[in-house]
Amino acid sequence: MTAQLAAPLVHAGAAPDRARLGLVLVHGRGGTASDILSLGTALGLPDIALVAPEAPGQSWWPTSFLAPQALMEPHVQSGLAAIEDAIATLEAAGLARARIALAGFSQGGCLALEYAARRGGLRSVFGLSAGLVGTADAGEPARARLHGHSPKRFDYTADLGAMSAFIAVHEQDPHIPLSRARHSAAVLTRLGAATDFRIAPGPGHAITADSVAALRAAMRP
């Protein structure tokens, strides 16, 4: 089996060794590290170190995140490794994990939430138009509320008692079922996170102004 190359990392914002906080940003399908870094710079917080991994082919996985776990897990593991590499660069410069936040949009948001649920230890996580991938298939029939996919299991053991979590989704999202986003918020709460779950009315799949404001507020001194 050919080893997968590590995802390249792109940096912006403050130098990590002089930053107050670190923020790892994860792009969605069709996006790039530079694209998602613009979200970080838009916060207007110059003392934050920003870093973003870039997925090969601009996609973290080729299917819906609702696909069976056997299809998802190899891609999830690669994405988690990319996030770990990004966090490690900030840690190597002196930023403790408790001073590092993680945020992502769409596929990147799903991956960010999954990292938090499986690994924990960070300051906060933001899933923008996102939901948890899950740990295994639940062995149940497909459901209309899951866009025709089958339910998953969410058997995480991480302690998120020191973390905050934010999940935002549109009421009618073509990629992220509202029921999965709501269930994801409940799972993170069960793991101990102080969770903020917000629903934007109507259809859409985008980073809302409300989400940007929430991220900015969470990263302020």
N, C-alpha and C. Protein backbone atom coordinates (compact mmCIF):
# COMPACT_ATOMS: atom_id res chain seq x y z
N MET A 1 0.85 -1.19 0.00
CA MET A 1 0.00 0.00 0.00
C MET A 1 0.89 1.25 0.00
N THR A 2 0.57 2.20 -0.85
CA THR A 2 1.35 3.43 -0.94
C THR A 2 0.99 4.35 0.20
N ALA A 3 1.98 4.88 0.89
CA ALA A 3 1.73 5.80 2.00
C ALA A 3 1.17 7.11 1.48
N GLN A 4 0.15 7.63 2.18
CA GLN A 4 -0.45 8.90 1.79
C GLN A 4 0.43 10.05 2.26
N LEU A 5 0.63 11.02 1.38
CA LEU A 5 1.44 12.17 1.73
C LEU A 5 0.71 13.02 2.76
N ALA A 6 1.48 13.64 3.65
CA ALA A 6 0.89 14.52 4.66
C ALA A 6 0.29 15.74 3.98
N ALA A 7 -0.82 16.21 4.52
CA ALA A 7 -1.46 17.40 3.99
C ALA A 7 -0.57 18.61 4.25
N PRO A 8 -0.34 19.44 3.24
CA PRO A 8 0.47 20.65 3.47
C PRO A 8 -0.25 21.60 4.41
N LEU A 9 0.54 22.38 5.15
CA LEU A 9 0.00 23.35 6.10
C LEU A 9 0.30 24.76 5.63
N VAL A 10 -0.68 25.64 5.77
CA VAL A 10 -0.51 27.05 5.41
C VAL A 10 -0.75 27.88 6.67
N HIS A 11 0.15 28.84 6.92
CA HIS A 11 0.08 29.65 8.14
C HIS A 11 -0.30 31.09 7.81
N ALA A 12 -0.93 31.74 8.78
CA ALA A 12 -1.25 33.16 8.67
C ALA A 12 -1.38 33.71 10.08
N GLY A 13 -1.62 35.01 10.19
CA GLY A 13 -1.81 35.63 11.49
C GLY A 13 -0.52 35.79 12.26
N ALA A 14 -0.62 35.78 13.57
CA ALA A 14 0.53 36.02 14.44
C ALA A 14 1.50 34.83 14.40
N ALA A 15 2.76 35.10 14.66
CA ALA A 15 3.74 34.02 14.81
C ALA A 15 3.34 33.18 16.02
N PRO A 16 3.31 31.87 15.88
CA PRO A 16 2.84 31.02 16.99
C PRO A 16 3.58 31.22 18.30
N ASP A 17 4.88 31.54 18.24
CA ASP A 17 5.64 31.70 19.48
C ASP A 17 5.34 33.02 20.18
N ARG A 18 4.57 33.89 19.53
CA ARG A 18 4.18 35.16 20.17
C ARG A 18 2.66 35.32 20.24
N ALA A 19 1.92 34.31 19.84
CA ALA A 19 0.46 34.41 19.76
C ALA A 19 -0.20 34.19 21.12
N ARG A 20 -1.34 34.83 21.30
CA ARG A 20 -2.14 34.61 22.52
C ARG A 20 -2.88 33.29 22.44
N LEU A 21 -3.40 32.97 21.25
CA LEU A 21 -4.13 31.73 21.01
C LEU A 21 -3.79 31.21 19.62
N GLY A 22 -4.07 29.94 19.40
CA GLY A 22 -3.94 29.36 18.07
C GLY A 22 -5.29 28.92 17.55
N LEU A 23 -5.46 28.97 16.24
CA LEU A 23 -6.71 28.55 15.62
C LEU A 23 -6.38 27.72 14.38
N VAL A 24 -6.81 26.46 14.41
CA VAL A 24 -6.66 25.57 13.26
C VAL A 24 -7.96 25.61 12.47
N LEU A 25 -7.87 25.87 11.18
CA LEU A 25 -9.04 26.01 10.31
C LEU A 25 -9.02 24.93 9.24
N VAL A 26 -10.17 24.30 8.99
CA VAL A 26 -10.25 23.16 8.08
C VAL A 26 -11.28 23.47 6.99
N HIS A 27 -10.83 23.46 5.75
CA HIS A 27 -11.70 23.85 4.63
C HIS A 27 -12.67 22.74 4.24
N GLY A 28 -13.66 23.10 3.44
CA GLY A 28 -14.64 22.14 2.94
C GLY A 28 -14.29 21.65 1.55
N ARG A 29 -15.19 20.82 0.99
CA ARG A 29 -14.98 20.27 -0.34
C ARG A 29 -14.85 21.40 -1.37
N GLY A 30 -13.82 21.30 -2.20
CA GLY A 30 -13.59 22.31 -3.22
C GLY A 30 -12.86 23.54 -2.73
N GLY A 31 -12.61 23.63 -1.42
CA GLY A 31 -11.91 24.77 -0.87
C GLY A 31 -10.42 24.52 -0.75
N THR A 32 -9.71 25.48 -0.23
CA THR A 32 -8.27 25.38 -0.01
C THR A 32 -7.92 25.92 1.37
N ALA A 33 -6.71 25.67 1.79
CA ALA A 33 -6.25 26.21 3.06
C ALA A 33 -6.30 27.74 3.05
N SER A 34 -5.90 28.33 1.94
CA SER A 34 -5.91 29.80 1.86
C SER A 34 -7.33 30.35 1.96
N ASP A 35 -8.29 29.64 1.36
CA ASP A 35 -9.69 30.07 1.44
C ASP A 35 -10.16 30.14 2.88
N ILE A 36 -9.95 29.07 3.62
CA ILE A 36 -10.47 29.02 4.98
C ILE A 36 -9.68 29.93 5.92
N LEU A 37 -8.41 30.20 5.59
CA LEU A 37 -7.64 31.14 6.41
C LEU A 37 -8.23 32.55 6.34
N SER A 38 -8.94 32.86 5.26
CA SER A 38 -9.57 34.17 5.17
C SER A 38 -10.63 34.35 6.25
N LEU A 39 -11.23 33.25 6.69
CA LEU A 39 -12.17 33.33 7.82
C LEU A 39 -11.43 33.78 9.07
N GLY A 40 -10.25 33.23 9.29
CA GLY A 40 -9.47 33.61 10.46
C GLY A 40 -9.03 35.06 10.43
N THR A 41 -8.57 35.53 9.27
CA THR A 41 -8.13 36.92 9.19
C THR A 41 -9.31 37.88 9.30
N ALA A 42 -10.50 37.45 8.88
CA ALA A 42 -11.69 38.30 8.97
C ALA A 42 -12.12 38.54 10.42
N LEU A 43 -11.60 37.74 11.35
CA LEU A 43 -11.94 37.95 12.75
C LEU A 43 -11.35 39.24 13.30
N GLY A 44 -10.31 39.75 12.65
CA GLY A 44 -9.70 40.99 13.09
C GLY A 44 -8.98 40.87 14.42
N LEU A 45 -8.38 39.70 14.68
CA LEU A 45 -7.66 39.48 15.93
C LEU A 45 -6.20 39.16 15.59
N PRO A 46 -5.36 40.18 15.51
CA PRO A 46 -4.00 40.00 15.02
C PRO A 46 -3.08 39.20 15.93
N ASP A 47 -3.52 38.90 17.16
CA ASP A 47 -2.65 38.15 18.08
C ASP A 47 -2.98 36.65 18.07
N ILE A 48 -3.71 36.19 17.05
CA ILE A 48 -4.06 34.78 16.92
C ILE A 48 -3.19 34.15 15.82
N ALA A 49 -2.58 33.02 16.12
CA ALA A 49 -1.83 32.26 15.11
C ALA A 49 -2.80 31.35 14.37
N LEU A 50 -2.78 31.41 13.05
CA LEU A 50 -3.70 30.64 12.22
C LEU A 50 -2.93 29.59 11.42
N VAL A 51 -3.48 28.40 11.32
CA VAL A 51 -2.87 27.37 10.48
C VAL A 51 -3.99 26.52 9.89
N ALA A 52 -3.82 26.13 8.64
CA ALA A 52 -4.83 25.33 7.95
C ALA A 52 -4.17 24.24 7.12
N PRO A 53 -4.61 22.99 7.28
CA PRO A 53 -4.15 21.92 6.39
C PRO A 53 -4.95 21.95 5.09
N GLU A 54 -4.36 21.44 4.03
CA GLU A 54 -5.05 21.42 2.73
C GLU A 54 -5.20 19.97 2.26
N ALA A 55 -6.44 19.58 1.96
CA ALA A 55 -6.73 18.21 1.55
C ALA A 55 -6.24 17.95 0.13
N PRO A 56 -5.73 16.76 -0.14
CA PRO A 56 -5.38 16.40 -1.52
C PRO A 56 -6.61 16.47 -2.41
N GLY A 57 -6.48 17.15 -3.54
CA GLY A 57 -7.62 17.26 -4.44
C GLY A 57 -8.73 18.12 -3.90
N GLN A 58 -8.45 18.92 -2.86
CA GLN A 58 -9.41 19.85 -2.26
C GLN A 58 -10.64 19.16 -1.68
N SER A 59 -10.51 17.93 -1.25
CA SER A 59 -11.63 17.21 -0.65
C SER A 59 -11.09 16.21 0.38
N TRP A 60 -11.72 16.18 1.54
CA TRP A 60 -11.27 15.27 2.58
C TRP A 60 -11.80 13.86 2.38
N TRP A 61 -12.94 13.73 1.67
CA TRP A 61 -13.48 12.42 1.32
C TRP A 61 -14.38 12.57 0.09
N PRO A 62 -14.56 11.50 -0.67
CA PRO A 62 -15.25 11.61 -1.96
C PRO A 62 -16.76 11.41 -1.88
N THR A 63 -17.29 11.09 -0.70
CA THR A 63 -18.70 10.76 -0.56
C THR A 63 -19.37 11.76 0.39
N SER A 64 -20.64 11.56 0.67
CA SER A 64 -21.28 12.25 1.77
C SER A 64 -20.69 11.75 3.08
N PHE A 65 -20.61 12.62 4.08
CA PHE A 65 -20.11 12.19 5.39
C PHE A 65 -21.07 11.20 6.06
N LEU A 66 -22.25 11.04 5.48
CA LEU A 66 -23.24 10.11 5.99
C LEU A 66 -23.05 8.70 5.45
N ALA A 67 -22.07 8.49 4.58
CA ALA A 67 -21.82 7.20 3.96
C ALA A 67 -21.45 6.15 5.00
N PRO A 68 -21.56 4.86 4.66
CA PRO A 68 -21.18 3.80 5.60
C PRO A 68 -19.77 3.99 6.14
N GLN A 69 -19.57 3.56 7.38
CA GLN A 69 -18.31 3.83 8.07
C GLN A 69 -17.11 3.20 7.38
N ALA A 70 -17.30 2.05 6.75
CA ALA A 70 -16.18 1.41 6.06
C ALA A 70 -15.64 2.29 4.95
N LEU A 71 -16.51 3.07 4.32
CA LEU A 71 -16.07 4.00 3.28
C LEU A 71 -15.45 5.26 3.87
N MET A 72 -15.98 5.69 5.01
CA MET A 72 -15.55 6.95 5.60
C MET A 72 -14.25 6.86 6.39
N GLU A 73 -14.06 5.78 7.13
CA GLU A 73 -13.00 5.75 8.14
C GLU A 73 -11.59 5.99 7.61
N PRO A 74 -11.18 5.41 6.47
CA PRO A 74 -9.81 5.71 5.99
C PRO A 74 -9.61 7.21 5.73
N HIS A 75 -10.63 7.86 5.19
CA HIS A 75 -10.53 9.30 4.91
C HIS A 75 -10.55 10.11 6.21
N VAL A 76 -11.38 9.69 7.14
CA VAL A 76 -11.43 10.36 8.43
C VAL A 76 -10.07 10.29 9.13
N GLN A 77 -9.45 9.12 9.10
CA GLN A 77 -8.15 8.97 9.76
C GLN A 77 -7.11 9.89 9.12
N SER A 78 -7.11 10.00 7.80
CA SER A 78 -6.17 10.91 7.12
C SER A 78 -6.43 12.35 7.52
N GLY A 79 -7.71 12.73 7.59
CA GLY A 79 -8.05 14.09 7.99
C GLY A 79 -7.68 14.39 9.43
N LEU A 80 -7.91 13.43 10.31
CA LEU A 80 -7.52 13.62 11.71
C LEU A 80 -6.01 13.79 11.85
N ALA A 81 -5.26 13.04 11.05
CA ALA A 81 -3.79 13.18 11.07
C ALA A 81 -3.36 14.56 10.61
N ALA A 82 -4.07 15.11 9.61
CA ALA A 82 -3.74 16.45 9.12
C ALA A 82 -4.00 17.49 10.20
N ILE A 83 -5.11 17.35 10.91
CA ILE A 83 -5.39 18.26 12.02
C ILE A 83 -4.35 18.12 13.12
N GLU A 84 -3.98 16.89 13.42
CA GLU A 84 -2.96 16.65 14.46
C GLU A 84 -1.64 17.32 14.08
N ASP A 85 -1.28 17.24 12.81
CA ASP A 85 -0.05 17.89 12.35
C ASP A 85 -0.13 19.40 12.54
N ALA A 86 -1.29 19.97 12.22
CA ALA A 86 -1.47 21.42 12.36
C ALA A 86 -1.36 21.83 13.83
N ILE A 87 -2.01 21.08 14.69
CA ILE A 87 -1.94 21.38 16.13
C ILE A 87 -0.50 21.24 16.63
N ALA A 88 0.18 20.21 16.15
CA ALA A 88 1.56 19.97 16.59
C ALA A 88 2.48 21.13 16.26
N THR A 89 2.26 21.80 15.12
CA THR A 89 3.11 22.94 14.77
C THR A 89 2.93 24.09 15.76
N LEU A 90 1.70 24.26 16.23
CA LEU A 90 1.43 25.31 17.23
C LEU A 90 2.01 24.91 18.59
N GLU A 91 1.86 23.65 18.94
CA GLU A 91 2.42 23.18 20.22
C GLU A 91 3.94 23.31 20.23
N ALA A 92 4.56 23.00 19.10
CA ALA A 92 6.02 23.06 19.02
C ALA A 92 6.53 24.48 19.24
N ALA A 93 5.67 25.47 18.95
CA ALA A 93 6.05 26.88 19.13
C ALA A 93 5.70 27.39 20.53
N GLY A 94 5.11 26.52 21.36
CA GLY A 94 4.85 26.91 22.74
C GLY A 94 3.40 27.11 23.12
N LEU A 95 2.48 26.90 22.18
CA LEU A 95 1.06 27.05 22.50
C LEU A 95 0.52 25.71 23.04
N ALA A 96 0.05 25.73 24.27
CA ALA A 96 -0.55 24.52 24.84
C ALA A 96 -1.86 24.22 24.13
N ARG A 97 -2.26 22.95 24.15
CA ARG A 97 -3.51 22.56 23.49
C ARG A 97 -4.71 23.31 24.05
N ALA A 98 -4.66 23.65 25.32
CA ALA A 98 -5.76 24.39 25.94
C ALA A 98 -5.87 25.82 25.41
N ARG A 99 -4.88 26.26 24.64
CA ARG A 99 -4.91 27.59 24.03
C ARG A 99 -5.13 27.49 22.51
N ILE A 100 -5.55 26.33 22.05
CA ILE A 100 -5.76 26.11 20.61
C ILE A 100 -7.22 25.77 20.36
N ALA A 101 -7.83 26.48 19.41
CA ALA A 101 -9.20 26.21 18.98
C ALA A 101 -9.17 25.58 17.59
N LEU A 102 -10.25 24.92 17.25
CA LEU A 102 -10.37 24.20 15.98
C LEU A 102 -11.70 24.56 15.35
N ALA A 103 -11.68 24.95 14.08
CA ALA A 103 -12.92 25.32 13.39
C ALA A 103 -12.87 24.82 11.96
N GLY A 104 -14.02 24.45 11.43
CA GLY A 104 -14.08 24.01 10.04
C GLY A 104 -15.45 24.23 9.45
N PHE A 105 -15.49 24.23 8.13
CA PHE A 105 -16.74 24.42 7.38
C PHE A 105 -17.04 23.18 6.55
N SER A 106 -18.30 22.75 6.58
CA SER A 106 -18.77 21.65 5.74
C SER A 106 -17.96 20.37 6.03
N GLN A 107 -17.30 19.78 5.04
CA GLN A 107 -16.46 18.61 5.32
C GLN A 107 -15.46 18.92 6.43
N GLY A 108 -14.86 20.11 6.36
CA GLY A 108 -13.88 20.50 7.37
C GLY A 108 -14.50 20.64 8.75
N GLY A 109 -15.76 21.09 8.79
CA GLY A 109 -16.46 21.19 10.06
C GLY A 109 -16.77 19.83 10.64
N CYS A 110 -17.17 18.89 9.78
CA CYS A 110 -17.41 17.52 10.24
C CYS A 110 -16.12 16.92 10.80
N LEU A 111 -15.03 17.16 10.11
CA LEU A 111 -13.74 16.63 10.54
C LEU A 111 -13.30 17.28 11.86
N ALA A 112 -13.55 18.58 12.00
CA ALA A 112 -13.20 19.28 13.25
C ALA A 112 -13.98 18.71 14.42
N LEU A 113 -15.28 18.52 14.24
CA LEU A 113 -16.10 17.96 15.31
C LEU A 113 -15.65 16.55 15.66
N GLU A 114 -15.31 15.78 14.63
CA GLU A 114 -14.88 14.41 14.85
C GLU A 114 -13.57 14.37 15.64
N TYR A 115 -12.65 15.27 15.29
CA TYR A 115 -11.39 15.34 16.04
C TYR A 115 -11.66 15.64 17.51
N ALA A 116 -12.52 16.63 17.76
CA ALA A 116 -12.81 17.01 19.14
C ALA A 116 -13.42 15.85 19.91
N ALA A 117 -14.37 15.15 19.29
CA ALA A 117 -15.06 14.05 19.98
C ALA A 117 -14.13 12.87 20.25
N ARG A 118 -13.18 12.64 19.33
CA ARG A 118 -12.29 11.48 19.49
C ARG A 118 -11.06 11.80 20.35
N ARG A 119 -10.58 13.03 20.27
CA ARG A 119 -9.29 13.35 20.92
C ARG A 119 -9.44 14.31 22.10
N GLY A 120 -10.32 15.31 22.00
CA GLY A 120 -10.50 16.28 23.07
C GLY A 120 -9.25 17.11 23.30
N GLY A 121 -9.21 17.79 24.46
CA GLY A 121 -8.02 18.50 24.91
C GLY A 121 -7.82 19.90 24.40
N LEU A 122 -8.72 20.39 23.54
CA LEU A 122 -8.55 21.72 22.97
C LEU A 122 -9.39 22.75 23.73
N ARG A 123 -9.19 24.02 23.35
CA ARG A 123 -9.95 25.11 23.96
C ARG A 123 -11.40 25.07 23.52
N SER A 124 -11.63 24.93 22.22
CA SER A 124 -12.97 24.95 21.67
C SER A 124 -12.98 24.37 20.26
N VAL A 125 -14.17 24.00 19.80
CA VAL A 125 -14.35 23.50 18.44
C VAL A 125 -15.58 24.14 17.83
N PHE A 126 -15.48 24.46 16.53
CA PHE A 126 -16.57 25.08 15.80
C PHE A 126 -16.87 24.27 14.55
N GLY A 127 -18.07 23.72 14.46
CA GLY A 127 -18.52 23.01 13.27
C GLY A 127 -19.53 23.86 12.54
N LEU A 128 -19.11 24.47 11.43
CA LEU A 128 -19.96 25.38 10.67
C LEU A 128 -20.56 24.63 9.50
N SER A 129 -21.87 24.47 9.49
CA SER A 129 -22.57 23.61 8.53
C SER A 129 -21.96 22.22 8.61
N ALA A 130 -22.10 21.58 9.77
CA ALA A 130 -21.37 20.34 10.02
C ALA A 130 -22.08 19.47 11.04
N GLY A 131 -21.65 18.21 11.08
CA GLY A 131 -22.13 17.25 12.08
C GLY A 131 -21.08 16.18 12.26
N LEU A 132 -21.20 15.40 13.30
CA LEU A 132 -20.27 14.31 13.56
C LEU A 132 -20.40 13.21 12.50
N VAL A 133 -19.28 12.61 12.14
CA VAL A 133 -19.27 11.49 11.21
C VAL A 133 -19.78 10.23 11.91
N GLY A 134 -19.32 9.99 13.14
CA GLY A 134 -19.69 8.80 13.89
C GLY A 134 -18.57 7.79 13.95
N THR A 135 -18.76 6.77 14.78
CA THR A 135 -17.72 5.77 15.02
C THR A 135 -18.00 4.43 14.36
N ALA A 136 -19.26 4.15 14.05
CA ALA A 136 -19.63 2.86 13.45
C ALA A 136 -21.05 2.94 12.91
N ASP A 137 -21.39 2.04 12.02
CA ASP A 137 -22.76 1.94 11.54
C ASP A 137 -23.64 1.40 12.66
N ALA A 138 -24.87 1.93 12.75
CA ALA A 138 -25.78 1.49 13.80
C ALA A 138 -26.55 0.23 13.41
N GLY A 139 -26.44 -0.19 12.15
CA GLY A 139 -27.13 -1.40 11.71
C GLY A 139 -28.63 -1.21 11.60
N GLU A 140 -29.06 0.00 11.31
CA GLU A 140 -30.48 0.31 11.18
C GLU A 140 -30.79 0.74 9.75
N PRO A 141 -32.07 0.69 9.36
CA PRO A 141 -32.45 1.07 7.99
C PRO A 141 -32.17 2.54 7.70
N ALA A 142 -32.10 2.85 6.42
CA ALA A 142 -31.92 4.23 5.98
C ALA A 142 -33.11 5.08 6.43
N ARG A 143 -32.85 6.34 6.69
CA ARG A 143 -33.88 7.25 7.18
C ARG A 143 -33.96 8.48 6.28
N ALA A 144 -35.17 8.93 6.00
CA ALA A 144 -35.37 10.13 5.20
C ALA A 144 -34.75 11.34 5.87
N ARG A 145 -34.83 11.39 7.20
CA ARG A 145 -34.28 12.55 7.92
C ARG A 145 -32.76 12.61 7.85
N LEU A 146 -32.13 11.52 7.41
CA LEU A 146 -30.68 11.50 7.20
C LEU A 146 -30.36 11.50 5.71
N HIS A 147 -31.20 12.14 4.94
CA HIS A 147 -31.01 12.24 3.50
C HIS A 147 -30.87 10.86 2.85
N GLY A 148 -31.61 9.89 3.38
CA GLY A 148 -31.60 8.56 2.79
C GLY A 148 -30.47 7.66 3.25
N HIS A 149 -29.71 8.08 4.25
CA HIS A 149 -28.61 7.26 4.77
C HIS A 149 -29.03 6.59 6.09
N SER A 150 -28.23 5.64 6.51
CA SER A 150 -28.50 4.91 7.74
C SER A 150 -27.86 5.58 8.95
N PRO A 151 -28.43 5.40 10.12
CA PRO A 151 -27.86 6.00 11.35
C PRO A 151 -26.47 5.45 11.67
N LYS A 152 -25.75 6.21 12.48
CA LYS A 152 -24.42 5.82 12.95
C LYS A 152 -24.42 5.68 14.47
N ARG A 153 -23.36 5.09 14.98
CA ARG A 153 -23.10 5.07 16.41
C ARG A 153 -22.11 6.19 16.74
N PHE A 154 -22.17 6.67 17.98
CA PHE A 154 -21.30 7.77 18.41
C PHE A 154 -20.67 7.38 19.75
N ASP A 155 -19.83 6.36 19.69
CA ASP A 155 -19.25 5.78 20.90
C ASP A 155 -17.89 6.42 21.22
N TYR A 156 -17.93 7.67 21.63
CA TYR A 156 -16.71 8.40 21.98
C TYR A 156 -16.48 8.31 23.49
N THR A 157 -15.22 8.40 23.88
CA THR A 157 -14.88 8.33 25.30
C THR A 157 -14.09 9.54 25.79
N ALA A 158 -13.80 10.49 24.92
CA ALA A 158 -13.02 11.67 25.32
C ALA A 158 -13.78 12.49 26.35
N ASP A 159 -13.04 13.12 27.24
CA ASP A 159 -13.61 14.02 28.24
C ASP A 159 -13.49 15.45 27.71
N LEU A 160 -14.62 16.06 27.39
CA LEU A 160 -14.61 17.42 26.84
C LEU A 160 -15.03 18.45 27.89
N GLY A 161 -14.84 18.12 29.15
CA GLY A 161 -15.28 18.99 30.21
C GLY A 161 -14.64 20.37 30.22
N ALA A 162 -13.46 20.50 29.62
CA ALA A 162 -12.77 21.79 29.58
C ALA A 162 -12.96 22.52 28.26
N MET A 163 -13.78 21.97 27.37
CA MET A 163 -13.96 22.54 26.03
C MET A 163 -15.32 23.20 25.88
N SER A 164 -15.37 24.14 24.94
CA SER A 164 -16.66 24.64 24.45
C SER A 164 -16.83 24.16 23.01
N ALA A 165 -18.07 24.00 22.58
CA ALA A 165 -18.37 23.53 21.24
C ALA A 165 -19.48 24.39 20.64
N PHE A 166 -19.36 24.65 19.34
CA PHE A 166 -20.35 25.45 18.62
C PHE A 166 -20.68 24.72 17.32
N ILE A 167 -21.96 24.48 17.10
CA ILE A 167 -22.42 23.88 15.85
C ILE A 167 -23.51 24.77 15.26
N ALA A 168 -23.36 25.10 13.99
CA ALA A 168 -24.37 25.90 13.29
C ALA A 168 -24.75 25.19 12.01
N VAL A 169 -26.04 25.20 11.69
CA VAL A 169 -26.52 24.55 10.48
C VAL A 169 -27.79 25.26 10.02
N HIS A 170 -28.01 25.25 8.72
CA HIS A 170 -29.28 25.77 8.21
C HIS A 170 -30.39 24.75 8.45
N GLU A 171 -31.59 25.27 8.58
CA GLU A 171 -32.75 24.42 8.81
C GLU A 171 -32.93 23.39 7.69
N GLN A 172 -32.63 23.81 6.48
CA GLN A 172 -32.71 22.93 5.32
C GLN A 172 -31.37 22.96 4.60
N ASP A 173 -30.47 22.08 5.02
CA ASP A 173 -29.14 22.02 4.44
C ASP A 173 -29.08 20.80 3.52
N PRO A 174 -28.67 20.97 2.27
CA PRO A 174 -28.65 19.83 1.35
C PRO A 174 -27.60 18.79 1.69
N HIS A 175 -26.63 19.13 2.52
CA HIS A 175 -25.54 18.22 2.85
C HIS A 175 -25.54 17.75 4.30
N ILE A 176 -26.03 18.58 5.20
CA ILE A 176 -25.99 18.29 6.64
C ILE A 176 -27.42 18.18 7.16
N PRO A 177 -27.93 16.99 7.40
CA PRO A 177 -29.29 16.87 7.95
C PRO A 177 -29.39 17.55 9.31
N LEU A 178 -30.47 18.26 9.51
CA LEU A 178 -30.68 18.94 10.78
C LEU A 178 -30.66 17.95 11.94
N SER A 179 -31.22 16.77 11.73
CA SER A 179 -31.25 15.78 12.81
C SER A 179 -29.84 15.34 13.21
N ARG A 180 -28.92 15.20 12.23
CA ARG A 180 -27.54 14.82 12.56
C ARG A 180 -26.83 15.95 13.29
N ALA A 181 -27.04 17.19 12.86
CA ALA A 181 -26.40 18.31 13.55
C ALA A 181 -26.90 18.42 14.99
N ARG A 182 -28.21 18.26 15.17
CA ARG A 182 -28.77 18.33 16.52
C ARG A 182 -28.25 17.19 17.40
N HIS A 183 -28.20 15.99 16.83
CA HIS A 183 -27.68 14.84 17.57
C HIS A 183 -26.21 15.06 17.92
N SER A 184 -25.44 15.64 17.00
CA SER A 184 -24.03 15.92 17.26
C SER A 184 -23.85 16.86 18.45
N ALA A 185 -24.69 17.88 18.52
CA ALA A 185 -24.63 18.80 19.66
C ALA A 185 -24.92 18.06 20.96
N ALA A 186 -25.90 17.15 20.93
CA ALA A 186 -26.24 16.38 22.12
C ALA A 186 -25.08 15.47 22.54
N VAL A 187 -24.41 14.86 21.56
CA VAL A 187 -23.28 13.98 21.86
C VAL A 187 -22.15 14.77 22.51
N LEU A 188 -21.81 15.92 21.97
CA LEU A 188 -20.73 16.73 22.54
C LEU A 188 -21.09 17.20 23.95
N THR A 189 -22.36 17.52 24.16
CA THR A 189 -22.80 17.89 25.51
C THR A 189 -22.64 16.71 26.46
N ARG A 190 -23.01 15.52 26.01
CA ARG A 190 -22.86 14.31 26.84
C ARG A 190 -21.40 14.08 27.22
N LEU A 191 -20.48 14.44 26.32
CA LEU A 191 -19.05 14.27 26.59
C LEU A 191 -18.50 15.36 27.51
N GLY A 192 -19.34 16.34 27.84
CA GLY A 192 -18.94 17.36 28.80
C GLY A 192 -18.73 18.75 28.25
N ALA A 193 -18.80 18.92 26.93
CA ALA A 193 -18.57 20.24 26.34
C ALA A 193 -19.71 21.20 26.63
N ALA A 194 -19.38 22.46 26.82
CA ALA A 194 -20.38 23.52 26.89
C ALA A 194 -20.77 23.84 25.45
N THR A 195 -21.92 23.37 25.01
CA THR A 195 -22.28 23.36 23.59
C THR A 195 -23.31 24.42 23.25
N ASP A 196 -23.04 25.13 22.18
CA ASP A 196 -23.94 26.15 21.62
C ASP A 196 -24.39 25.64 20.25
N PHE A 197 -25.67 25.35 20.10
CA PHE A 197 -26.21 24.84 18.84
C PHE A 197 -27.16 25.86 18.24
N ARG A 198 -26.89 26.27 17.01
CA ARG A 198 -27.71 27.30 16.38
C ARG A 198 -28.21 26.84 15.01
N ILE A 199 -29.48 27.17 14.74
CA ILE A 199 -30.12 26.81 13.48
C ILE A 199 -30.47 28.08 12.73
N ALA A 200 -29.94 28.22 11.52
CA ALA A 200 -30.30 29.35 10.66
C ALA A 200 -31.57 28.99 9.90
N PRO A 201 -32.53 29.88 9.80
CA PRO A 201 -33.79 29.54 9.14
C PRO A 201 -33.62 29.34 7.63
N GLY A 202 -34.50 28.48 7.08
CA GLY A 202 -34.53 28.30 5.63
C GLY A 202 -33.43 27.42 5.09
N PRO A 203 -33.31 27.39 3.75
CA PRO A 203 -32.29 26.56 3.12
C PRO A 203 -30.93 27.25 3.08
N GLY A 204 -29.87 26.45 2.99
CA GLY A 204 -28.54 27.02 2.86
C GLY A 204 -27.46 26.06 3.30
N HIS A 205 -26.26 26.38 2.87
CA HIS A 205 -25.06 25.63 3.28
C HIS A 205 -23.92 26.61 3.17
N ALA A 206 -23.70 27.37 4.24
CA ALA A 206 -22.73 28.47 4.19
C ALA A 206 -22.34 28.86 5.60
N ILE A 207 -21.24 29.61 5.69
CA ILE A 207 -20.81 30.20 6.96
C ILE A 207 -21.61 31.48 7.16
N THR A 208 -22.40 31.54 8.20
CA THR A 208 -23.26 32.69 8.43
C THR A 208 -22.52 33.78 9.20
N ALA A 209 -23.04 35.00 9.11
CA ALA A 209 -22.48 36.11 9.87
C ALA A 209 -22.57 35.84 11.36
N ASP A 210 -23.62 35.17 11.78
CA ASP A 210 -23.80 34.81 13.19
C ASP A 210 -22.68 33.88 13.66
N SER A 211 -22.29 32.95 12.78
CA SER A 211 -21.21 32.02 13.14
C SER A 211 -19.88 32.74 13.25
N VAL A 212 -19.62 33.66 12.34
CA VAL A 212 -18.37 34.42 12.40
C VAL A 212 -18.32 35.25 13.68
N ALA A 213 -19.45 35.85 14.04
CA ALA A 213 -19.50 36.64 15.26
C ALA A 213 -19.26 35.77 16.49
N ALA A 214 -19.81 34.56 16.48
CA ALA A 214 -19.61 33.65 17.61
C ALA A 214 -18.15 33.22 17.72
N LEU A 215 -17.52 32.95 16.59
CA LEU A 215 -16.10 32.57 16.59
C LEU A 215 -15.25 33.73 17.08
N ARG A 216 -15.54 34.93 16.62
CA ARG A 216 -14.79 36.10 17.05
C ARG A 216 -14.93 36.30 18.58
N ALA A 217 -16.14 36.18 19.07
CA ALA A 217 -16.37 36.37 20.50
C ALA A 217 -15.61 35.35 21.32
N ALA A 218 -15.57 34.11 20.84
CA ALA A 218 -14.89 33.05 21.57
C ALA A 218 -13.38 33.22 21.58
N MET A 219 -12.82 33.90 20.59
CA MET A 219 -11.37 34.05 20.47
C MET A 219 -10.87 35.37 21.03
N ARG A 220 -11.75 36.23 21.44
CA ARG A 220 -11.33 37.51 22.03
C ARG A 220 -10.71 37.31 23.40
N PRO A 221 -9.88 38.27 23.85
CA PRO A 221 -9.30 38.18 25.20
C PRO A 221 -10.38 38.16 26.27
